Protein backbone atom coordinates (compact mmCIF):
# COMPACT_ATOMS: atom_id res chain seq x y z
CA MET A 1 -0.68 15.75 -35.57
CA SER A 2 -2.27 14.79 -38.86
CA LYS A 3 -1.80 11.42 -40.51
CA THR A 4 0.12 13.11 -43.29
CA GLY A 5 2.48 14.74 -40.82
CA SER A 6 2.98 11.42 -39.06
CA LEU A 7 3.78 9.66 -42.32
CA VAL A 8 6.24 12.39 -43.27
CA LEU A 9 8.04 11.97 -39.94
CA ILE A 10 8.21 8.21 -40.42
CA LEU A 11 9.57 8.52 -43.96
CA VAL A 12 12.14 11.15 -43.02
CA GLY A 13 13.23 9.03 -40.07
CA ILE A 14 13.60 5.92 -42.23
CA PHE A 15 15.58 7.90 -44.81
CA PHE A 16 18.06 9.23 -42.25
CA LEU A 17 18.31 5.90 -40.44
CA LEU A 18 19.18 4.13 -43.71
CA HIS A 19 21.81 6.78 -44.38
CA ASN A 20 23.33 6.40 -40.92
CA LEU A 21 23.44 2.63 -41.25
CA GLY A 22 25.30 2.94 -44.57
CA PHE A 23 22.52 1.92 -46.96
CA LEU A 24 22.13 5.41 -48.45
CA ARG A 25 24.85 7.96 -49.22
CA PHE A 26 24.56 11.73 -49.31
CA ALA A 27 26.74 14.67 -48.28
CA GLN A 28 27.83 15.02 -44.68
CA ILE A 29 25.24 16.93 -42.67
CA GLY A 30 27.38 17.26 -39.57
CA GLN A 31 27.82 15.85 -36.11
CA LEU A 32 24.11 16.25 -35.32
CA LEU A 33 23.29 13.09 -37.24
CA GLN A 34 24.21 10.18 -35.02
CA THR A 35 23.40 6.61 -35.87
CA TRP A 36 20.04 6.15 -34.14
CA TRP A 37 18.45 9.61 -33.74
CA PRO A 38 16.14 9.11 -36.75
CA LEU A 39 14.48 6.33 -34.81
CA ALA A 40 12.96 9.08 -32.63
CA LEU A 41 11.21 10.51 -35.71
CA ILE A 42 9.87 7.08 -36.60
CA VAL A 43 8.54 6.54 -33.07
CA VAL A 44 6.91 9.98 -32.89
CA GLY A 45 5.26 9.40 -36.27
CA ALA A 46 4.05 5.93 -35.28
CA ILE A 47 2.61 7.27 -32.02
CA GLY A 48 0.85 10.02 -33.97
CA LEU A 49 -0.68 7.46 -36.31
CA ALA A 50 -1.73 5.21 -33.43
CA ARG A 51 -3.50 8.07 -31.65
CA LYS A 52 -5.30 9.24 -34.79
CA GLY A 53 -6.02 5.78 -36.18
């Protein structure tokens, strides 16, 4: 995974996590979005950066 891809995953994960914690508001996406699943995106992105960095 490229550094750019890793950063995108981290940013998307942070965005959804902030939404799920009530800091950001946007239209309902559905039951798929639970409170902590974006953390998985953040972790995958961070691991990708650690391996490449």
